[in-house]
Amino acid sequence: MLYLFKFSFIIIRFGLRLVFVRKKAEQQAIVYLHGMEEKLQGKFDDATFKKVVKSHSVFLAIVNDAFTLLHDRSTNAGEQERSINYFICSSIFDNFFDEKLLAVDQIESITFQPKQFIPYSFDQKAFLQAHLFLLNGMNDTKDYFIVLRKEFDAQSASMKQFDKAISNEEIQEITFEKGGNAVLMCRYYLDIQPTKEEEECWYQLGTMIQLSNDLFDIYKDLQHNNQTLALRCTDAYAMEELYLKQVYAMKKNIAELPYSENSKRTFSISMAATYALGLMGVDQLKRLQQGATQLPSLRSLPRESLIIDMEKPMNIWRWIKFVYHFGKISYTSKQVS
């Protein structure tokens, strides 16, 4: 009963912060992007512009603030500006690879030798400005470049996911490294010195965000023949075991954080609010499997069976149930249905 009371308070506060912080962050990002367009005399394409605004506003309200609240504060103005620049970099970085706007060796050059790279397009100029802004304001560039190299290598390797011959083991390694290091990079944009357990939480969260995205994007990936663990899943219960392994690794690190129980409880619920989306994706697959030994062919299922509409009240209620159960610092293997 005590946990229910505390959970209710935290989740209501979380919801209010999500609404108001996100709205403010959206406006902040829009103004910032227009300022960059004016300075560089160009324009972001609509998809990239919207992706930066949405990614920054959601990540700031849910993830960055969760980590800074461990240190008894919200994100400051400098951290918020770095967040916008990170999502400018990451969004254009994805475009470089996905749309083949640059050869891999050119992407490597603009990433690791930015001061020597001569840009000729607006996207390249915007990437360089944001990338150099982040580097110039960072104290620990040596370790940051180690993580960035891992992320670059994972992005490069992800091109193999369009090859049907790729193994599940390769896909899993790419998925974890790509998602884990992309989120771990964000810890360098905060003015805090994280513990080892905090860094592990950043990485684990990234693996679950990537898995969640793949679970939510099954229908889209089927159209593009992008090989993911979710698309190749034949047993929802095996997918659940893989996902819960990441959840429990996260929760183990949270339990070992050197902060008050109250701070860890709030942090644990905030993390659960993010990775619960993946649990919903797994639950959707379990419903499709209906207790059988394996899933039906995903290609044989209609679109509405493979997507999750988070605007539906039933799905919001399911999300709250998952967050409630897995938000506890001490946890059990009992599942939510």
Protein backbone atom coordinates (compact mmCIF):
# COMPACT_ATOMS: atom_id res chain seq x y z
CA MET A 1 0.00 0.00 0.00
CA LEU A 2 2.86 2.37 0.83
CA TYR A 3 4.48 1.66 -2.55
CA LEU A 4 1.15 2.25 -4.30
CA PHE A 5 0.87 5.67 -2.65
CA LYS A 6 4.44 6.63 -3.51
CA PHE A 7 4.09 5.25 -7.03
CA SER A 8 0.91 7.25 -7.61
CA PHE A 9 2.60 10.44 -6.46
CA ILE A 10 5.69 9.83 -8.60
CA ILE A 11 3.78 8.81 -11.74
CA ILE A 12 1.44 11.83 -11.51
CA ARG A 13 4.43 14.13 -11.06
CA PHE A 14 6.16 12.29 -13.92
CA GLY A 15 3.15 12.84 -16.17
CA LEU A 16 2.93 16.53 -15.35
CA ARG A 17 6.66 17.01 -15.94
CA LEU A 18 6.38 15.13 -19.21
CA VAL A 19 3.65 17.47 -20.42
CA PHE A 20 5.16 20.78 -19.33
CA VAL A 21 8.89 20.05 -19.69
CA ARG A 22 8.32 18.45 -23.08
CA LYS A 23 6.26 21.39 -24.36
CA LYS A 24 8.92 23.87 -23.28
CA ALA A 25 11.69 21.70 -24.75
CA GLU A 26 9.86 21.45 -28.07
CA GLN A 27 9.70 25.23 -28.39
CA GLN A 28 13.33 25.49 -27.29
CA ALA A 29 14.43 23.05 -30.01
CA ILE A 30 12.33 24.72 -32.72
CA VAL A 31 13.85 28.14 -32.00
CA TYR A 32 17.35 26.61 -31.87
CA LEU A 33 16.97 24.79 -35.19
CA HIS A 34 15.62 27.86 -36.95
CA GLY A 35 18.58 29.82 -35.59
CA MET A 36 20.98 27.25 -37.03
CA GLU A 37 19.18 27.35 -40.39
CA GLU A 38 19.53 31.11 -40.51
CA LYS A 39 23.19 31.03 -39.54
CA LEU A 40 24.10 28.31 -42.04
CA GLN A 41 21.73 29.61 -44.73
CA GLY A 42 19.93 26.35 -45.31
CA LYS A 43 17.06 24.19 -44.06
CA PHE A 44 16.62 20.85 -42.34
CA ASP A 45 14.28 18.50 -44.19
CA ASP A 46 10.92 18.14 -42.44
CA ALA A 47 11.53 14.60 -41.20
CA THR A 48 14.88 15.49 -39.61
CA PHE A 49 13.51 18.71 -38.08
CA LYS A 50 10.60 16.86 -36.47
CA LYS A 51 12.84 14.00 -35.31
CA VAL A 52 15.24 16.36 -33.51
CA VAL A 53 12.40 18.26 -31.82
CA LYS A 54 10.58 15.12 -30.69
CA SER A 55 13.71 13.23 -29.61
CA HIS A 56 15.11 16.13 -27.59
CA SER A 57 11.83 16.96 -25.85
CA VAL A 58 11.04 13.35 -24.88
CA PHE A 59 14.59 12.39 -23.90
CA LEU A 60 15.09 15.53 -21.83
CA ALA A 61 11.87 15.07 -19.88
CA ILE A 62 12.16 11.32 -19.34
CA VAL A 63 15.84 10.33 -19.35
CA ASN A 64 18.12 13.31 -18.71
CA ASP A 65 15.99 14.64 -15.87
CA ALA A 66 15.85 11.16 -14.33
CA PHE A 67 19.64 11.04 -14.10
CA THR A 68 20.09 14.62 -12.87
CA LEU A 69 17.36 14.11 -10.24
CA LEU A 70 19.63 11.47 -8.71
CA HIS A 71 21.82 14.50 -7.97
CA ASP A 72 18.86 16.54 -6.64
CA ARG A 73 18.35 18.85 -9.61
CA SER A 74 16.82 19.14 -13.06
CA THR A 75 18.88 19.58 -16.23
CA ASN A 76 20.42 23.04 -16.56
CA ALA A 77 20.48 25.34 -19.61
CA GLY A 78 23.89 24.14 -20.79
CA GLU A 79 22.85 20.49 -20.61
CA GLN A 80 19.65 21.25 -22.51
CA GLU A 81 21.59 22.94 -25.31
CA ARG A 82 23.93 19.97 -25.55
CA SER A 83 20.92 17.67 -25.78
CA ILE A 84 19.60 19.56 -28.81
CA ASN A 85 23.00 19.40 -30.48
CA TYR A 86 23.29 15.68 -29.76
CA PHE A 87 20.00 14.97 -31.50
CA ILE A 88 21.04 17.14 -34.43
CA CYS A 89 24.17 15.01 -34.72
CA SER A 90 22.45 11.66 -34.19
CA SER A 91 19.59 12.41 -36.60
CA ILE A 92 21.89 13.56 -39.41
CA PHE A 93 24.31 10.73 -38.60
CA ASP A 94 21.44 8.27 -39.19
CA ASN A 95 20.65 10.06 -42.47
CA PHE A 96 24.26 9.75 -43.62
CA PHE A 97 24.01 5.96 -43.21
CA ASP A 98 20.36 5.23 -44.00
CA GLU A 99 20.07 7.47 -47.04
CA LYS A 100 23.69 6.87 -48.15
CA LEU A 101 24.36 10.61 -48.23
CA LEU A 102 28.04 9.95 -47.57
CA ALA A 103 30.36 6.99 -48.08
CA VAL A 104 31.35 5.20 -44.87
CA ASP A 105 34.91 6.56 -45.01
CA GLN A 106 33.51 10.10 -45.35
CA ILE A 107 31.21 9.57 -42.36
CA GLU A 108 34.23 8.35 -40.41
CA SER A 109 36.18 11.45 -41.44
CA ILE A 110 33.48 13.96 -40.51
CA THR A 111 33.02 12.16 -37.16
CA PHE A 112 36.61 11.67 -36.06
CA GLN A 113 38.40 14.46 -37.95
CA PRO A 114 35.75 17.18 -37.91
CA LYS A 115 38.19 20.11 -38.03
CA GLN A 116 39.77 18.79 -41.23
CA PHE A 117 36.51 17.92 -42.99
CA ILE A 118 35.30 20.41 -45.62
CA PRO A 119 31.47 20.40 -45.78
CA TYR A 120 29.57 21.13 -48.98
CA SER A 121 25.92 20.52 -47.97
CA PHE A 122 23.72 22.05 -45.29
CA ASP A 123 23.41 18.72 -43.47
CA GLN A 124 27.19 18.38 -43.29
CA LYS A 125 27.55 21.96 -42.02
CA ALA A 126 24.84 21.43 -39.41
CA PHE A 127 26.39 18.14 -38.26
CA LEU A 128 29.83 19.73 -37.95
CA GLN A 129 28.57 22.75 -36.03
CA ALA A 130 26.66 20.57 -33.54
CA HIS A 131 29.49 18.01 -33.26
CA LEU A 132 32.16 20.64 -32.61
CA PHE A 133 29.89 22.42 -30.14
CA LEU A 134 29.64 19.22 -28.11
CA LEU A 135 33.37 18.51 -28.29
CA ASN A 136 34.38 22.06 -27.35
CA GLY A 137 32.25 21.95 -24.21
CA MET A 138 33.44 18.57 -23.00
CA ASN A 139 36.05 17.79 -20.36
CA ASP A 140 36.44 14.07 -21.04
CA THR A 141 36.88 13.77 -24.82
CA LYS A 142 39.18 10.71 -24.61
CA ASP A 143 36.57 8.37 -23.11
CA TYR A 144 33.84 10.01 -25.16
CA PHE A 145 35.65 9.16 -28.40
CA ILE A 146 35.96 5.54 -27.25
CA VAL A 147 32.17 5.34 -26.91
CA LEU A 148 31.69 7.28 -30.16
CA ARG A 149 33.96 4.82 -31.99
CA LYS A 150 31.87 1.90 -30.71
CA GLU A 151 28.71 3.65 -31.87
CA PHE A 152 30.21 4.35 -35.31
CA ASP A 153 31.30 0.73 -35.67
CA ALA A 154 27.82 -0.49 -34.67
CA GLN A 155 26.16 1.88 -37.15
CA SER A 156 28.50 0.64 -39.89
CA ALA A 157 27.78 -2.97 -38.97
CA SER A 158 24.02 -2.33 -38.98
CA MET A 159 24.15 -2.14 -42.77
CA LYS A 160 24.51 -5.94 -42.64
CA GLN A 161 20.95 -6.10 -41.29
CA PHE A 162 19.63 -5.83 -44.84
CA ASP A 163 21.36 -9.15 -45.60
CA LYS A 164 19.10 -12.11 -44.82
CA ALA A 165 22.19 -14.26 -44.22
CA ILE A 166 23.11 -12.34 -41.05
CA SER A 167 22.93 -14.47 -37.89
CA ASN A 168 20.77 -13.69 -34.86
CA GLU A 169 23.93 -13.44 -32.77
CA GLU A 170 25.29 -10.72 -35.05
CA ILE A 171 21.98 -8.87 -34.95
CA GLN A 172 21.92 -8.97 -31.15
CA GLU A 173 25.47 -7.64 -30.86
CA ILE A 174 24.73 -4.81 -33.31
CA THR A 175 21.44 -4.00 -31.58
CA PHE A 176 22.97 -3.78 -28.11
CA GLU A 177 26.06 -1.86 -29.18
CA LYS A 178 24.13 0.55 -31.38
CA GLY A 179 21.46 1.30 -28.79
CA GLY A 180 23.64 1.06 -25.71
CA ASN A 181 26.43 3.34 -26.87
CA ALA A 182 24.05 5.87 -28.47
CA VAL A 183 22.46 6.45 -25.06
CA LEU A 184 25.71 6.12 -23.10
CA MET A 185 27.11 9.04 -25.12
CA CYS A 186 24.47 11.26 -23.52
CA ARG A 187 25.99 10.89 -20.07
CA TYR A 188 28.93 13.07 -21.27
CA TYR A 189 26.57 15.99 -21.90
CA LEU A 190 25.55 16.27 -18.24
CA ASP A 191 27.54 18.23 -15.65
CA ILE A 192 27.71 15.29 -13.26
CA GLN A 193 30.29 12.62 -12.57
CA PRO A 194 28.38 9.33 -12.77
CA THR A 195 29.18 6.21 -10.79
CA LYS A 196 30.03 2.97 -12.58
CA GLU A 197 26.49 1.77 -11.86
CA GLU A 198 25.01 4.92 -13.41
CA GLU A 199 27.05 4.38 -16.58
CA GLU A 200 25.79 0.80 -16.73
CA CYS A 201 22.23 2.13 -16.42
CA TRP A 202 22.80 4.46 -19.39
CA TYR A 203 24.03 1.55 -21.51
CA GLN A 204 21.31 -0.89 -20.42
CA LEU A 205 18.63 1.70 -21.09
CA GLY A 206 20.01 2.11 -24.61
CA THR A 207 19.81 -1.61 -25.34
CA MET A 208 16.19 -1.66 -24.20
CA ILE A 209 15.25 1.46 -26.16
CA GLN A 210 16.69 -0.13 -29.31
CA LEU A 211 14.87 -3.41 -28.66
CA SER A 212 11.66 -1.46 -27.94
CA ASN A 213 11.99 0.46 -31.21
CA ASP A 214 12.45 -2.81 -33.09
CA LEU A 215 9.38 -4.34 -31.40
CA PHE A 216 7.28 -1.31 -32.29
CA ASP A 217 8.67 -1.20 -35.86
CA ILE A 218 8.02 -4.80 -36.86
CA TYR A 219 5.50 -3.84 -39.56
CA LYS A 220 7.80 -1.16 -41.01
CA ASP A 221 10.85 -3.44 -40.96
CA LEU A 222 8.87 -6.14 -42.75
CA GLN A 223 8.30 -3.71 -45.61
CA HIS A 224 12.01 -2.83 -45.81
CA ASN A 225 13.36 -6.34 -45.09
CA ASN A 226 15.44 -4.96 -42.22
CA GLN A 227 16.56 -7.94 -40.16
CA THR A 228 15.92 -7.36 -36.44
CA LEU A 229 15.51 -9.69 -33.48
CA ALA A 230 11.86 -8.64 -33.25
CA LEU A 231 11.17 -9.36 -36.93
CA ARG A 232 12.88 -12.75 -36.69
CA CYS A 233 11.15 -13.68 -33.45
CA THR A 234 9.45 -17.10 -33.58
CA ASP A 235 8.85 -17.47 -29.83
CA ALA A 236 7.52 -14.52 -27.82
CA TYR A 237 8.60 -16.16 -24.56
CA ALA A 238 12.22 -16.34 -25.72
CA MET A 239 12.04 -12.64 -26.61
CA GLU A 240 10.59 -11.94 -23.18
CA GLU A 241 13.49 -13.79 -21.53
CA LEU A 242 16.03 -11.75 -23.53
CA TYR A 243 14.31 -8.46 -22.69
CA LEU A 244 13.88 -9.24 -19.00
CA LYS A 245 17.58 -10.09 -18.77
CA GLN A 246 18.30 -6.46 -19.70
CA VAL A 247 15.65 -5.19 -17.28
CA TYR A 248 17.10 -7.15 -14.37
CA ALA A 249 20.64 -6.01 -15.20
CA MET A 250 19.34 -2.43 -15.02
CA LYS A 251 17.54 -3.05 -11.73
CA LYS A 252 20.62 -4.65 -10.19
CA ASN A 253 22.61 -1.49 -10.96
CA ILE A 254 19.84 0.73 -9.58
CA ALA A 255 19.83 -1.24 -6.32
CA GLU A 256 23.58 -0.63 -5.98
CA LEU A 257 23.48 3.14 -6.62
CA PRO A 258 24.97 5.12 -3.68
CA TYR A 259 21.91 7.35 -3.25
CA SER A 260 18.92 7.48 -0.93
CA GLU A 261 16.13 4.92 -1.27
CA ASN A 262 13.73 7.70 -2.19
CA SER A 263 15.98 8.91 -5.02
CA LYS A 264 16.50 5.37 -6.29
CA ARG A 265 12.76 4.66 -6.18
CA THR A 266 11.98 7.73 -8.28
CA PHE A 267 14.79 6.83 -10.69
CA SER A 268 13.65 3.20 -10.94
CA ILE A 269 10.09 4.25 -11.81
CA SER A 270 11.39 6.75 -14.40
CA MET A 271 13.52 4.04 -16.03
CA ALA A 272 10.58 1.62 -16.00
CA ALA A 273 8.43 4.27 -17.69
CA THR A 274 10.86 4.10 -20.62
CA TYR A 275 11.58 0.39 -20.94
CA ALA A 276 7.94 -0.60 -20.22
CA LEU A 277 7.26 0.15 -23.89
CA GLY A 278 9.40 -2.84 -24.81
CA LEU A 279 7.52 -5.01 -22.33
CA MET A 280 4.33 -3.98 -24.09
CA GLY A 281 5.85 -5.02 -27.41
CA VAL A 282 6.75 -8.41 -25.96
CA ASP A 283 3.27 -8.74 -24.45
CA GLN A 284 1.77 -8.05 -27.88
CA LEU A 285 3.77 -10.94 -29.34
CA LYS A 286 2.67 -13.22 -26.49
CA ARG A 287 -0.96 -12.39 -27.25
CA LEU A 288 -0.38 -13.28 -30.90
CA GLN A 289 1.25 -16.58 -29.92
CA GLN A 290 -1.71 -17.47 -27.67
CA GLY A 291 0.17 -20.11 -25.69
CA ALA A 292 1.33 -22.03 -28.79
CA THR A 293 4.88 -23.31 -29.12
CA GLN A 294 5.71 -20.57 -31.62
CA LEU A 295 4.36 -17.42 -33.22
CA PRO A 296 2.45 -17.48 -36.50
CA SER A 297 4.37 -16.03 -39.44
CA LEU A 298 4.54 -12.28 -38.84
CA ARG A 299 4.18 -11.69 -42.58
CA SER A 300 0.80 -13.41 -42.49
CA LEU A 301 -0.62 -11.03 -39.88
CA PRO A 302 -2.51 -7.80 -40.63
CA ARG A 303 -0.95 -4.43 -39.84
CA GLU A 304 -3.24 -3.80 -36.85
CA SER A 305 -1.90 -6.95 -35.15
CA LEU A 306 1.69 -5.69 -35.35
CA ILE A 307 1.35 -2.08 -34.19
CA ILE A 308 0.68 -0.63 -30.75
CA ASP A 309 -1.33 2.58 -30.59
CA MET A 310 -0.21 4.35 -27.41
CA GLU A 311 -3.12 6.78 -27.63
CA LYS A 312 -5.60 4.02 -26.80
CA PRO A 313 -6.71 4.08 -23.11
CA MET A 314 -6.26 0.29 -22.85
CA ASN A 315 -2.62 0.55 -23.90
CA ILE A 316 -1.98 3.43 -21.51
CA TRP A 317 -3.44 1.31 -18.71
CA ARG A 318 -1.21 -1.64 -19.69
CA TRP A 319 1.81 0.67 -19.67
CA ILE A 320 0.96 1.89 -16.15
CA LYS A 321 0.66 -1.71 -14.92
CA PHE A 322 4.10 -2.57 -16.30
CA VAL A 323 5.66 0.57 -14.83
CA TYR A 324 4.04 -0.15 -11.45
CA HIS A 325 5.34 -3.71 -11.30
CA PHE A 326 8.84 -3.15 -12.65
CA GLY A 327 9.36 0.25 -11.03
CA LYS A 328 9.99 -1.39 -7.67
CA ILE A 329 13.64 -1.40 -6.61
CA SER A 330 13.21 -4.91 -5.20
CA TYR A 331 11.65 -7.02 -7.89
CA THR A 332 10.37 -10.53 -8.57
CA SER A 333 10.06 -12.58 -11.73
CA LYS A 334 6.25 -12.53 -11.49
CA GLN A 335 4.86 -11.24 -14.77
CA VAL A 336 2.13 -8.75 -15.55
CA SER A 337 -0.69 -9.68 -17.94
